[in-house]
Amino acid sequence: MKIEVLRMFKFDNGASVKAFLDLQFDEAFIVKGFRIMNGKEGLYIAMPSEVRHDNKSFKIFVPLTEEIKTQLTKVALEAYNE
């Protein structure tokens, strides 16, 4: 599967959110709302989520295999580090 970063907005404000990004999959569809986060073990990609009326959040995009999740992370972090 071909995954590309379409847009990325980086932040340098000391917060745990380091960037927002939109990804394109196989030139077929775009998913918006990925985040690059700084956690205890370093940078990672957070999946898009929404907040319900009771203020609980849920993911709206879930990779089904570890292989796809690894590929998403690699593409996103490479773009972030450019």
PDB file of N, CA and C in Angstrom:
ATOM      1  N   MET A   1       0.848  -1.180   0.000  1.00  0.00           N
ATOM      2  CA  MET A   1       0.000   0.000   0.000  1.00  0.00           C
ATOM      3  C   MET A   1       0.889   1.238   0.000  1.00  0.00           C
ATOM      4  N   LYS A   2       0.591   2.162  -0.891  1.00  0.00           N
ATOM      5  CA  LYS A   2       1.343   3.414  -0.958  1.00  0.00           C
ATOM      6  C   LYS A   2       0.703   4.431  -0.019  1.00  0.00           C
ATOM      7  N   ILE A   3       1.493   4.951   0.899  1.00  0.00           N
ATOM      8  CA  ILE A   3       1.023   5.947   1.859  1.00  0.00           C
ATOM      9  C   ILE A   3       1.894   7.182   1.718  1.00  0.00           C
ATOM     10  N   GLU A   4       1.247   8.345   1.583  1.00  0.00           N
ATOM     11  CA  GLU A   4       1.970   9.615   1.441  1.00  0.00           C
ATOM     12  C   GLU A   4       1.432  10.633   2.432  1.00  0.00           C
ATOM     13  N   VAL A   5       2.314  11.501   2.912  1.00  0.00           N
ATOM     14  CA  VAL A   5       1.904  12.637   3.728  1.00  0.00           C
ATOM     15  C   VAL A   5       1.513  13.759   2.781  1.00  0.00           C
ATOM     16  N   LEU A   6       0.263  14.214   2.876  1.00  0.00           N
ATOM     17  CA  LEU A   6      -0.190  15.327   2.033  1.00  0.00           C
ATOM     18  C   LEU A   6       0.118  16.676   2.663  1.00  0.00           C
ATOM     19  N   ARG A   7      -0.235  16.804   3.938  1.00  0.00           N
ATOM     20  CA  ARG A   7      -0.003  18.067   4.646  1.00  0.00           C
ATOM     21  C   ARG A   7       0.463  17.755   6.055  1.00  0.00           C
ATOM     22  N   MET A   8       1.320  18.611   6.563  1.00  0.00           N
ATOM     23  CA  MET A   8       1.770  18.482   7.944  1.00  0.00           C
ATOM     24  C   MET A   8       1.914  19.874   8.545  1.00  0.00           C
ATOM     25  N   PHE A   9       1.398  20.020   9.754  1.00  0.00           N
ATOM     26  CA  PHE A   9       1.524  21.267  10.503  1.00  0.00           C
ATOM     27  C   PHE A   9       2.295  20.957  11.769  1.00  0.00           C
ATOM     28  N   LYS A  10       3.537  21.455  11.844  1.00  0.00           N
ATOM     29  CA  LYS A  10       4.391  21.189  13.001  1.00  0.00           C
ATOM     30  C   LYS A  10       4.206  22.265  14.060  1.00  0.00           C
ATOM     31  N   PHE A  11       4.387  21.860  15.325  1.00  0.00           N
ATOM     32  CA  PHE A  11       4.297  22.771  16.459  1.00  0.00           C
ATOM     33  C   PHE A  11       5.598  22.697  17.245  1.00  0.00           C
ATOM     34  N   ASP A  12       6.039  23.829  17.731  1.00  0.00           N
ATOM     35  CA  ASP A  12       7.242  23.876  18.557  1.00  0.00           C
ATOM     36  C   ASP A  12       6.918  24.664  19.811  1.00  0.00           C
ATOM     37  N   ASN A  13       5.950  24.157  20.561  1.00  0.00           N
ATOM     38  CA  ASN A  13       5.484  24.896  21.732  1.00  0.00           C
ATOM     39  C   ASN A  13       5.681  24.140  23.042  1.00  0.00           C
ATOM     40  N   GLY A  14       6.424  23.039  23.021  1.00  0.00           N
ATOM     41  CA  GLY A  14       6.685  22.288  24.235  1.00  0.00           C
ATOM     42  C   GLY A  14       5.579  21.331  24.640  1.00  0.00           C
ATOM     43  N   ALA A  15       4.492  21.284  23.890  1.00  0.00           N
ATOM     44  CA  ALA A  15       3.379  20.387  24.214  1.00  0.00           C
ATOM     45  C   ALA A  15       3.660  18.985  23.689  1.00  0.00           C
ATOM     46  N   SER A  16       2.836  18.022  24.076  1.00  0.00           N
ATOM     47  CA  SER A  16       3.049  16.638  23.631  1.00  0.00           C
ATOM     48  C   SER A  16       2.653  16.437  22.169  1.00  0.00           C
ATOM     49  N   VAL A  17       1.753  17.262  21.633  1.00  0.00           N
ATOM     50  CA  VAL A  17       1.409  17.178  20.204  1.00  0.00           C
ATOM     51  C   VAL A  17       2.480  17.927  19.418  1.00  0.00           C
ATOM     52  N   LYS A  18       3.178  17.194  18.553  1.00  0.00           N
ATOM     53  CA  LYS A  18       4.264  17.791  17.782  1.00  0.00           C
ATOM     54  C   LYS A  18       3.842  18.178  16.371  1.00  0.00           C
ATOM     55  N   ALA A  19       2.798  17.508  15.829  1.00  0.00           N
ATOM     56  CA  ALA A  19       2.347  17.822  14.471  1.00  0.00           C
ATOM     57  C   ALA A  19       0.982  17.197  14.211  1.00  0.00           C
ATOM     58  N   PHE A  20       0.239  17.833  13.322  1.00  0.00           N
ATOM     59  CA  PHE A  20      -0.976  17.258  12.738  1.00  0.00           C
ATOM     60  C   PHE A  20      -0.654  16.937  11.294  1.00  0.00           C
ATOM     61  N   LEU A  21      -1.207  15.832  10.774  1.00  0.00           N
ATOM     62  CA  LEU A  21      -0.949  15.501   9.386  1.00  0.00           C
ATOM     63  C   LEU A  21      -2.116  14.773   8.752  1.00  0.00           C
ATOM     64  N   ASP A  22      -2.173  14.887   7.421  1.00  0.00           N
ATOM     65  CA  ASP A  22      -3.166  14.193   6.593  1.00  0.00           C
ATOM     66  C   ASP A  22      -2.418  13.205   5.711  1.00  0.00           C
ATOM     67  N   LEU A  23      -2.939  11.997   5.599  1.00  0.00           N
ATOM     68  CA  LEU A  23      -2.295  10.947   4.816  1.00  0.00           C
ATOM     69  C   LEU A  23      -3.169  10.516   3.651  1.00  0.00           C
ATOM     70  N   GLN A  24      -2.526  10.207   2.538  1.00  0.00           N
ATOM     71  CA  GLN A  24      -3.215   9.694   1.344  1.00  0.00           C
ATOM     72  C   GLN A  24      -2.825   8.229   1.169  1.00  0.00           C
ATOM     73  N   PHE A  25      -3.828   7.391   0.861  1.00  0.00           N
ATOM     74  CA  PHE A  25      -3.633   5.954   0.718  1.00  0.00           C
ATOM     75  C   PHE A  25      -3.922   5.530  -0.720  1.00  0.00           C
ATOM     76  N   ASP A  26      -2.883   4.967  -1.391  1.00  0.00           N
ATOM     77  CA  ASP A  26      -3.009   4.428  -2.751  1.00  0.00           C
ATOM     78  C   ASP A  26      -3.683   5.376  -3.738  1.00  0.00           C
ATOM     79  N   GLU A  27      -3.499   6.659  -3.567  1.00  0.00           N
ATOM     80  CA  GLU A  27      -4.142   7.659  -4.433  1.00  0.00           C
ATOM     81  C   GLU A  27      -5.644   7.410  -4.545  1.00  0.00           C
ATOM     82  N   ALA A  28      -6.212   6.803  -3.490  1.00  0.00           N
ATOM     83  CA  ALA A  28      -7.635   6.464  -3.507  1.00  0.00           C
ATOM     84  C   ALA A  28      -8.440   7.254  -2.477  1.00  0.00           C
ATOM     85  N   PHE A  29      -7.846   7.524  -1.310  1.00  0.00           N
ATOM     86  CA  PHE A  29      -8.564   8.295  -0.308  1.00  0.00           C
ATOM     87  C   PHE A  29      -7.587   8.975   0.635  1.00  0.00           C
ATOM     88  N   ILE A  30      -8.105   9.986   1.343  1.00  0.00           N
ATOM     89  CA  ILE A  30      -7.318  10.786   2.282  1.00  0.00           C
ATOM     90  C   ILE A  30      -7.948  10.638   3.662  1.00  0.00           C
ATOM     91  N   VAL A  31      -7.094  10.484   4.663  1.00  0.00           N
ATOM     92  CA  VAL A  31      -7.556  10.463   6.051  1.00  0.00           C
ATOM     93  C   VAL A  31      -6.874  11.630   6.763  1.00  0.00           C
ATOM     94  N   LYS A  32      -7.691  12.474   7.397  1.00  0.00           N
ATOM     95  CA  LYS A  32      -7.195  13.661   8.092  1.00  0.00           C
ATOM     96  C   LYS A  32      -7.214  13.423   9.596  1.00  0.00           C
ATOM     97  N   GLY A  33      -6.344  14.130  10.287  1.00  0.00           N
ATOM     98  CA  GLY A  33      -6.404  14.128  11.743  1.00  0.00           C
ATOM     99  C   GLY A  33      -5.394  13.245  12.454  1.00  0.00           C
ATOM    100  N   PHE A  34      -4.372  12.751  11.753  1.00  0.00           N
ATOM    101  CA  PHE A  34      -3.314  12.027  12.450  1.00  0.00           C
ATOM    102  C   PHE A  34      -2.496  13.028  13.249  1.00  0.00           C
ATOM    103  N   ARG A  35      -1.901  12.565  14.339  1.00  0.00           N
ATOM    104  CA  ARG A  35      -1.060  13.428  15.169  1.00  0.00           C
ATOM    105  C   ARG A  35       0.261  12.720  15.451  1.00  0.00           C
ATOM    106  N   ILE A  36       1.324  13.488  15.464  1.00  0.00           N
ATOM    107  CA  ILE A  36       2.593  12.978  15.959  1.00  0.00           C
ATOM    108  C   ILE A  36       2.719  13.486  17.388  1.00  0.00           C
ATOM    109  N   MET A  37       2.900  12.532  18.295  1.00  0.00           N
ATOM    110  CA  MET A  37       2.916  12.819  19.728  1.00  0.00           C
ATOM    111  C   MET A  37       4.285  12.504  20.311  1.00  0.00           C
ATOM    112  N   ASN A  38       4.629  13.207  21.365  1.00  0.00           N
ATOM    113  CA  ASN A  38       5.851  12.917  22.108  1.00  0.00           C
ATOM    114  C   ASN A  38       5.437  12.239  23.402  1.00  0.00           C
ATOM    115  N   GLY A  39       5.751  10.940  23.517  1.00  0.00           N
ATOM    116  CA  GLY A  39       5.394  10.171  24.703  1.00  0.00           C
ATOM    117  C   GLY A  39       6.612   9.816  25.525  1.00  0.00           C
ATOM    118  N   LYS A  40       6.411   8.988  26.525  1.00  0.00           N
ATOM    119  CA  LYS A  40       7.494   8.570  27.418  1.00  0.00           C
ATOM    120  C   LYS A  40       8.604   7.845  26.674  1.00  0.00           C
ATOM    121  N   GLU A  41       8.246   7.127  25.595  1.00  0.00           N
ATOM    122  CA  GLU A  41       9.230   6.355  24.836  1.00  0.00           C
ATOM    123  C   GLU A  41       9.597   7.017  23.513  1.00  0.00           C
ATOM    124  N   GLY A  42       9.291   8.290  23.366  1.00  0.00           N
ATOM    125  CA  GLY A  42       9.640   9.018  22.149  1.00  0.00           C
ATOM    126  C   GLY A  42       8.434   9.327  21.285  1.00  0.00           C
ATOM    127  N   LEU A  43       8.695   9.648  20.027  1.00  0.00           N
ATOM    128  CA  LEU A  43       7.632  10.044  19.109  1.00  0.00           C
ATOM    129  C   LEU A  43       6.832   8.840  18.632  1.00  0.00           C
ATOM    130  N   TYR A  44       5.532   9.050  18.461  1.00  0.00           N
ATOM    131  CA  TYR A  44       4.653   8.022  17.901  1.00  0.00           C
ATOM    132  C   TYR A  44       3.516   8.704  17.165  1.00  0.00           C
ATOM    133  N   ILE A  45       2.804   7.934  16.343  1.00  0.00           N
ATOM    134  CA  ILE A  45       1.667   8.477  15.598  1.00  0.00           C
ATOM    135  C   ILE A  45       0.375   8.088  16.307  1.00  0.00           C
ATOM    136  N   ALA A  46      -0.487   9.074  16.509  1.00  0.00           N
ATOM    137  CA  ALA A  46      -1.801   8.849  17.106  1.00  0.00           C
ATOM    138  C   ALA A  46      -2.845   8.882  15.992  1.00  0.00           C
ATOM    139  N   MET A  47      -3.761   7.938  16.041  1.00  0.00           N
ATOM    140  CA  MET A  47      -4.790   7.820  15.014  1.00  0.00           C
ATOM    141  C   MET A  47      -5.858   8.904  15.184  1.00  0.00           C
ATOM    142  N   PRO A  48      -6.533   9.267  14.110  1.00  0.00           N
ATOM    143  CA  PRO A  48      -7.617  10.248  14.204  1.00  0.00           C
ATOM    144  C   PRO A  48      -8.698   9.766  15.181  1.00  0.00           C
ATOM    145  N   SER A  49      -9.260  10.714  15.906  1.00  0.00           N
ATOM    146  CA  SER A  49     -10.309  10.371  16.873  1.00  0.00           C
ATOM    147  C   SER A  49     -11.334  11.495  16.939  1.00  0.00           C
ATOM    148  N   GLU A  50     -12.468  11.162  17.526  1.00  0.00           N
ATOM    149  CA  GLU A  50     -13.531  12.149  17.755  1.00  0.00           C
ATOM    150  C   GLU A  50     -13.931  12.100  19.219  1.00  0.00           C
ATOM    151  N   VAL A  51     -14.504  13.189  19.698  1.00  0.00           N
ATOM    152  CA  VAL A  51     -14.986  13.259  21.067  1.00  0.00           C
ATOM    153  C   VAL A  51     -16.506  13.170  21.037  1.00  0.00           C
ATOM    154  N   ARG A  52     -17.031  12.246  21.830  1.00  0.00           N
ATOM    155  CA  ARG A  52     -18.488  12.081  21.904  1.00  0.00           C
ATOM    156  C   ARG A  52     -19.097  13.153  22.794  1.00  0.00           C
ATOM    157  N   HIS A  53     -20.416  13.164  22.862  1.00  0.00           N
ATOM    158  CA  HIS A  53     -21.121  14.160  23.661  1.00  0.00           C
ATOM    159  C   HIS A  53     -20.802  14.046  25.154  1.00  0.00           C
ATOM    160  N   ASP A  54     -20.363  12.864  25.618  1.00  0.00           N
ATOM    161  CA  ASP A  54     -20.008  12.675  27.024  1.00  0.00           C
ATOM    162  C   ASP A  54     -18.514  12.895  27.281  1.00  0.00           C
ATOM    163  N   ASN A  55     -17.833  13.539  26.333  1.00  0.00           N
ATOM    164  CA  ASN A  55     -16.415  13.897  26.402  1.00  0.00           C
ATOM    165  C   ASN A  55     -15.462  12.704  26.368  1.00  0.00           C
ATOM    166  N   LYS A  56     -15.933  11.535  25.992  1.00  0.00           N
ATOM    167  CA  LYS A  56     -15.051  10.387  25.792  1.00  0.00           C
ATOM    168  C   LYS A  56     -14.656  10.353  24.324  1.00  0.00           C
ATOM    169  N   SER A  57     -13.398  10.023  24.074  1.00  0.00           N
ATOM    170  CA  SER A  57     -12.944   9.987  22.681  1.00  0.00           C
ATOM    171  C   SER A  57     -12.886   8.553  22.180  1.00  0.00           C
ATOM    172  N   PHE A  58     -12.986   8.420  20.865  1.00  0.00           N
ATOM    173  CA  PHE A  58     -12.879   7.112  20.235  1.00  0.00           C
ATOM    174  C   PHE A  58     -12.171   7.278  18.907  1.00  0.00           C
ATOM    175  N   LYS A  59     -11.403   6.246  18.535  1.00  0.00           N
ATOM    176  CA  LYS A  59     -10.669   6.287  17.273  1.00  0.00           C
ATOM    177  C   LYS A  59     -11.625   6.111  16.113  1.00  0.00           C
ATOM    178  N   ILE A  60     -11.410   6.870  15.050  1.00  0.00           N
ATOM    179  CA  ILE A  60     -12.243   6.729  13.854  1.00  0.00           C
ATOM    180  C   ILE A  60     -11.466   6.084  12.715  1.00  0.00           C
ATOM    181  N   PHE A  61     -10.189   5.769  12.978  1.00  0.00           N
ATOM    182  CA  PHE A  61      -9.347   5.090  11.997  1.00  0.00           C
ATOM    183  C   PHE A  61      -8.488   4.101  12.773  1.00  0.00           C
ATOM    184  N   VAL A  62      -8.597   2.824  12.420  1.00  0.00           N
ATOM    185  CA  VAL A  62      -7.850   1.788  13.136  1.00  0.00           C
ATOM    186  C   VAL A  62      -7.165   0.875  12.126  1.00  0.00           C
ATOM    187  N   PRO A  63      -5.822   0.838  12.111  1.00  0.00           N
ATOM    188  CA  PRO A  63      -5.135  -0.099  11.218  1.00  0.00           C
ATOM    189  C   PRO A  63      -5.386  -1.530  11.693  1.00  0.00           C
ATOM    190  N   LEU A  64      -5.635  -2.429  10.753  1.00  0.00           N
ATOM    191  CA  LEU A  64      -5.999  -3.798  11.118  1.00  0.00           C
ATOM    192  C   LEU A  64      -4.798  -4.715  11.325  1.00  0.00           C
ATOM    193  N   THR A  65      -3.643  -4.327  10.807  1.00  0.00           N
ATOM    194  CA  THR A  65      -2.467  -5.179  10.979  1.00  0.00           C
ATOM    195  C   THR A  65      -1.312  -4.350  11.547  1.00  0.00           C
ATOM    196  N   GLU A  66      -0.405  -5.044  12.192  1.00  0.00           N
ATOM    197  CA  GLU A  66       0.789  -4.389  12.728  1.00  0.00           C
ATOM    198  C   GLU A  66       1.662  -3.864  11.589  1.00  0.00           C
ATOM    199  N   GLU A  67       1.640  -4.567  10.453  1.00  0.00           N
ATOM    200  CA  GLU A  67       2.417  -4.150   9.284  1.00  0.00           C
ATOM    201  C   GLU A  67       1.985  -2.771   8.791  1.00  0.00           C
ATOM    202  N   ILE A  68       0.686  -2.547   8.690  1.00  0.00           N
ATOM    203  CA  ILE A  68       0.176  -1.238   8.235  1.00  0.00           C
ATOM    204  C   ILE A  68       0.479  -0.166   9.272  1.00  0.00           C
ATOM    205  N   LYS A  69       0.305  -0.482  10.543  1.00  0.00           N
ATOM    206  CA  LYS A  69       0.604   0.493  11.595  1.00  0.00           C
ATOM    207  C   LYS A  69       2.079   0.886  11.548  1.00  0.00           C
ATOM    208  N   THR A  70       2.966  -0.088  11.338  1.00  0.00           N
ATOM    209  CA  THR A  70       4.398   0.191  11.233  1.00  0.00           C
ATOM    210  C   THR A  70       4.688   1.070  10.027  1.00  0.00           C
ATOM    211  N   GLN A  71       4.037   0.780   8.899  1.00  0.00           N
ATOM    212  CA  GLN A  71       4.238   1.578   7.691  1.00  0.00           C
ATOM    213  C   GLN A  71       3.747   3.008   7.902  1.00  0.00           C
ATOM    214  N   LEU A  72       2.583   3.181   8.530  1.00  0.00           N
ATOM    215  CA  LEU A  72       2.064   4.523   8.836  1.00  0.00           C
ATOM    216  C   LEU A  72       3.070   5.302   9.683  1.00  0.00           C
ATOM    217  N   THR A  73       3.564   4.653  10.713  1.00  0.00           N
ATOM    218  CA  THR A  73       4.507   5.299  11.621  1.00  0.00           C
ATOM    219  C   THR A  73       5.779   5.700  10.893  1.00  0.00           C
ATOM    220  N   LYS A  74       6.310   4.818  10.076  1.00  0.00           N
ATOM    221  CA  LYS A  74       7.543   5.098   9.333  1.00  0.00           C
ATOM    222  C   LYS A  74       7.380   6.292   8.405  1.00  0.00           C
ATOM    223  N   VAL A  75       6.310   6.297   7.620  1.00  0.00           N
ATOM    224  CA  VAL A  75       6.061   7.390   6.671  1.00  0.00           C
ATOM    225  C   VAL A  75       5.896   8.715   7.407  1.00  0.00           C
ATOM    226  N   ALA A  76       5.096   8.713   8.466  1.00  0.00           N
ATOM    227  CA  ALA A  76       4.817   9.945   9.212  1.00  0.00           C
ATOM    228  C   ALA A  76       6.075  10.496   9.891  1.00  0.00           C
ATOM    229  N   LEU A  77       6.842   9.629  10.562  1.00  0.00           N
ATOM    230  CA  LEU A  77       8.016  10.110  11.275  1.00  0.00           C
ATOM    231  C   LEU A  77       9.131  10.533  10.331  1.00  0.00           C
ATOM    232  N   GLU A  78       9.259   9.876   9.185  1.00  0.00           N
ATOM    233  CA  GLU A  78      10.251  10.315   8.190  1.00  0.00           C
ATOM    234  C   GLU A  78       9.922  11.714   7.693  1.00  0.00           C
ATOM    235  N   ALA A  79       8.639  11.965   7.407  1.00  0.00           N
ATOM    236  CA  ALA A  79       8.221  13.297   6.948  1.00  0.00           C
ATOM    237  C   ALA A  79       8.430  14.334   8.048  1.00  0.00           C
ATOM    238  N   TYR A  80       8.136  13.966   9.281  1.00  0.00           N
ATOM    239  CA  TYR A  80       8.307  14.891  10.410  1.00  0.00           C
ATOM    240  C   TYR A  80       9.777  15.276  10.585  1.00  0.00           C
ATOM    241  N   ASN A  81      10.669  14.325  10.396  1.00  0.00           N
ATOM    242  CA  ASN A  81      12.097  14.560  10.632  1.00  0.00           C
ATOM    243  C   ASN A  81      12.830  15.210   9.457  1.00  0.00           C
ATOM    244  N   GLU A  82      12.142  15.448   8.336  1.00  0.00           N
ATOM    245  CA  GLU A  82      12.788  16.109   7.187  1.00  0.00           C
ATOM    246  C   GLU A  82      13.051  17.565   7.457  1.00  0.00           C
TER     247      GLU A  82
END
